[in-house]
Amino acid sequence: MIKRKEFIKALGRTGQERLRVKLTIDKDRLIDFVFQYESLIDENWCEIVRYDLAHGFFHRDFILPKGDNEKTKLEMPDIKTAATYAEQDIVDKWEFYKTKYLKNLKKKIK
């Protein structure tokens, strides 16, 4: 039986940064996931970085303010390792990703 779990983890201390997690589990085995970093900017939750298995491969999307994204394919030995990597990368680097996003946002405004 396939189960889907979705939850949000707070990042930082301000309540303006979060990690959205979506897991799909079949018979206690992880078969799909999404780890997505979101930030509250100008009263809107903005997607900034997403790791998933869409398109048939593990990758990171850095979402640009205008809606495009920079896709980076990543090689991992298995889905569990990929999920662990995705979560830890966001937890460790969300501030870097937000800074990059805000720099791109300034370019969009100009």
C-alpha atoms as a PDB file:
ATOM      1  CA  MET A   1       0.000   0.000   0.000  1.00  0.00           C
ATOM      2  CA  ILE A   2       1.399   3.392  -1.007  1.00  0.00           C
ATOM      3  CA  LYS A   3       1.522   6.053   1.699  1.00  0.00           C
ATOM      4  CA  ARG A   4       2.200   9.728   1.201  1.00  0.00           C
ATOM      5  CA  LYS A   5       3.549  11.939   3.953  1.00  0.00           C
ATOM      6  CA  GLU A   6       3.928  15.697   3.794  1.00  0.00           C
ATOM      7  CA  PHE A   7       5.261  17.967   6.504  1.00  0.00           C
ATOM      8  CA  ILE A   8       7.100  21.237   7.049  1.00  0.00           C
ATOM      9  CA  LYS A   9      10.211  21.847   9.149  1.00  0.00           C
ATOM     10  CA  ALA A  10      11.211  25.320  10.285  1.00  0.00           C
ATOM     11  CA  LEU A  11      14.638  26.612   9.260  1.00  0.00           C
ATOM     12  CA  GLY A  12      16.295  29.469  11.098  1.00  0.00           C
ATOM     13  CA  ARG A  13      14.690  31.377  13.956  1.00  0.00           C
ATOM     14  CA  THR A  14      12.441  33.924  12.274  1.00  0.00           C
ATOM     15  CA  GLY A  15       9.635  31.681  11.026  1.00  0.00           C
ATOM     16  CA  GLN A  16      10.293  32.930   7.501  1.00  0.00           C
ATOM     17  CA  GLU A  17      12.272  29.936   6.257  1.00  0.00           C
ATOM     18  CA  ARG A  18      10.951  26.408   5.885  1.00  0.00           C
ATOM     19  CA  LEU A  19      11.686  22.996   4.433  1.00  0.00           C
ATOM     20  CA  ARG A  20       8.688  21.305   2.801  1.00  0.00           C
ATOM     21  CA  VAL A  21       9.026  17.520   2.640  1.00  0.00           C
ATOM     22  CA  LYS A  22       6.896  15.124   0.590  1.00  0.00           C
ATOM     23  CA  LEU A  23       7.581  11.406   0.835  1.00  0.00           C
ATOM     24  CA  THR A  24       5.998   8.497  -1.011  1.00  0.00           C
ATOM     25  CA  ILE A  25       6.463   5.148   0.677  1.00  0.00           C
ATOM     26  CA  ASP A  26       5.482   1.693  -0.574  1.00  0.00           C
ATOM     27  CA  LYS A  27       5.716  -1.206   1.887  1.00  0.00           C
ATOM     28  CA  ASP A  28       8.094   0.733   4.176  1.00  0.00           C
ATOM     29  CA  ARG A  29      10.344   1.593   1.224  1.00  0.00           C
ATOM     30  CA  LEU A  30      10.884   5.161   0.032  1.00  0.00           C
ATOM     31  CA  ILE A  31       9.974   5.372  -3.660  1.00  0.00           C
ATOM     32  CA  ASP A  32       9.706   9.132  -4.281  1.00  0.00           C
ATOM     33  CA  PHE A  33      10.391  12.424  -2.534  1.00  0.00           C
ATOM     34  CA  VAL A  34      10.493  16.202  -2.749  1.00  0.00           C
ATOM     35  CA  PHE A  35      12.576  18.393  -0.443  1.00  0.00           C
ATOM     36  CA  GLN A  36      11.879  22.063  -1.070  1.00  0.00           C
ATOM     37  CA  TYR A  37      13.272  25.169   0.618  1.00  0.00           C
ATOM     38  CA  GLU A  38      10.813  28.052   0.781  1.00  0.00           C
ATOM     39  CA  SER A  39      11.228  31.574   2.137  1.00  0.00           C
ATOM     40  CA  LEU A  40       8.666  34.213   3.069  1.00  0.00           C
ATOM     41  CA  ILE A  41       9.558  37.208   0.891  1.00  0.00           C
ATOM     42  CA  ASP A  42       7.232  40.209   0.620  1.00  0.00           C
ATOM     43  CA  GLU A  43       4.466  38.227   2.355  1.00  0.00           C
ATOM     44  CA  ASN A  44       4.625  35.380  -0.206  1.00  0.00           C
ATOM     45  CA  TRP A  45       6.137  31.924   0.205  1.00  0.00           C
ATOM     46  CA  CYS A  46       8.729  31.622  -2.559  1.00  0.00           C
ATOM     47  CA  GLU A  47      10.223  28.325  -3.720  1.00  0.00           C
ATOM     48  CA  ILE A  48      13.992  28.681  -3.815  1.00  0.00           C
ATOM     49  CA  VAL A  49      15.531  25.192  -4.022  1.00  0.00           C
ATOM     50  CA  ARG A  50      13.894  21.847  -4.730  1.00  0.00           C
ATOM     51  CA  TYR A  51      15.341  18.340  -4.836  1.00  0.00           C
ATOM     52  CA  ASP A  52      13.265  15.604  -6.433  1.00  0.00           C
ATOM     53  CA  LEU A  53      13.182  12.639  -8.783  1.00  0.00           C
ATOM     54  CA  ALA A  54      10.953  14.167 -11.455  1.00  0.00           C
ATOM     55  CA  HIS A  55      12.019  13.621 -15.067  1.00  0.00           C
ATOM     56  CA  GLY A  56      13.342  10.186 -14.087  1.00  0.00           C
ATOM     57  CA  PHE A  57      16.497  11.299 -12.271  1.00  0.00           C
ATOM     58  CA  PHE A  58      17.669  12.874  -9.006  1.00  0.00           C
ATOM     59  CA  HIS A  59      18.313  16.583  -9.357  1.00  0.00           C
ATOM     60  CA  ARG A  60      18.300  20.003  -7.730  1.00  0.00           C
ATOM     61  CA  ASP A  61      16.314  22.902  -9.123  1.00  0.00           C
ATOM     62  CA  PHE A  62      17.385  26.385  -8.098  1.00  0.00           C
ATOM     63  CA  ILE A  63      14.266  28.421  -8.808  1.00  0.00           C
ATOM     64  CA  LEU A  64      14.880  31.879 -10.207  1.00  0.00           C
ATOM     65  CA  PRO A  65      12.589  34.792  -9.273  1.00  0.00           C
ATOM     66  CA  LYS A  66      11.146  35.027 -12.795  1.00  0.00           C
ATOM     67  CA  GLY A  67      10.034  31.384 -12.601  1.00  0.00           C
ATOM     68  CA  ASP A  68      12.773  29.647 -14.588  1.00  0.00           C
ATOM     69  CA  ASN A  69      15.102  27.236 -12.847  1.00  0.00           C
ATOM     70  CA  GLU A  70      18.648  25.989 -12.984  1.00  0.00           C
ATOM     71  CA  LYS A  71      18.552  22.177 -13.007  1.00  0.00           C
ATOM     72  CA  THR A  72      21.550  20.176 -11.792  1.00  0.00           C
ATOM     73  CA  LYS A  73      21.560  16.389 -12.189  1.00  0.00           C
ATOM     74  CA  LEU A  74      23.109  14.614  -9.213  1.00  0.00           C
ATOM     75  CA  GLU A  75      24.399  11.050  -9.008  1.00  0.00           C
ATOM     76  CA  MET A  76      23.714   9.057  -5.832  1.00  0.00           C
ATOM     77  CA  PRO A  77      24.010   5.327  -5.184  1.00  0.00           C
ATOM     78  CA  ASP A  78      20.370   4.942  -4.061  1.00  0.00           C
ATOM     79  CA  ILE A  79      17.195   6.837  -3.248  1.00  0.00           C
ATOM     80  CA  LYS A  80      17.763   6.817   0.521  1.00  0.00           C
ATOM     81  CA  THR A  81      21.191   8.425   0.115  1.00  0.00           C
ATOM     82  CA  ALA A  82      19.698  10.974  -2.290  1.00  0.00           C
ATOM     83  CA  ALA A  83      16.958  11.888   0.196  1.00  0.00           C
ATOM     84  CA  THR A  84      19.449  12.257   3.049  1.00  0.00           C
ATOM     85  CA  TYR A  85      21.693  14.432   0.871  1.00  0.00           C
ATOM     86  CA  ALA A  86      18.787  16.642  -0.250  1.00  0.00           C
ATOM     87  CA  GLU A  87      17.552  17.309   3.271  1.00  0.00           C
ATOM     88  CA  GLN A  88      21.011  17.940   4.722  1.00  0.00           C
ATOM     89  CA  ASP A  89      22.040  20.246   1.881  1.00  0.00           C
ATOM     90  CA  ILE A  90      19.006  22.475   2.439  1.00  0.00           C
ATOM     91  CA  VAL A  91      19.481  22.492   6.226  1.00  0.00           C
ATOM     92  CA  ASP A  92      23.170  23.391   5.817  1.00  0.00           C
ATOM     93  CA  LYS A  93      22.951  25.864   2.918  1.00  0.00           C
ATOM     94  CA  TRP A  94      19.542  27.581   2.992  1.00  0.00           C
ATOM     95  CA  GLU A  95      21.142  30.943   3.847  1.00  0.00           C
ATOM     96  CA  PHE A  96      23.442  30.669   0.814  1.00  0.00           C
ATOM     97  CA  TYR A  97      20.510  29.757  -1.443  1.00  0.00           C
ATOM     98  CA  LYS A  98      18.439  32.663  -0.130  1.00  0.00           C
ATOM     99  CA  THR A  99      21.278  35.136  -0.737  1.00  0.00           C
ATOM    100  CA  LYS A 100      21.641  33.865  -4.305  1.00  0.00           C
ATOM    101  CA  TYR A 101      17.878  34.120  -4.843  1.00  0.00           C
ATOM    102  CA  LEU A 102      17.753  37.691  -3.513  1.00  0.00           C
ATOM    103  CA  LYS A 103      20.636  38.719  -5.789  1.00  0.00           C
ATOM    104  CA  ASN A 104      18.701  37.350  -8.763  1.00  0.00           C
ATOM    105  CA  LEU A 105      15.574  39.121  -7.524  1.00  0.00           C
ATOM    106  CA  LYS A 106      17.436  42.452  -7.566  1.00  0.00           C
ATOM    107  CA  LYS A 107      18.562  41.767 -11.146  1.00  0.00           C
ATOM    108  CA  LYS A 108      14.940  41.056 -12.115  1.00  0.00           C
ATOM    109  CA  ILE A 109      13.784  44.387 -10.685  1.00  0.00           C
ATOM    110  CA  LYS A 110      16.412  46.418 -12.570  1.00  0.00           C
END
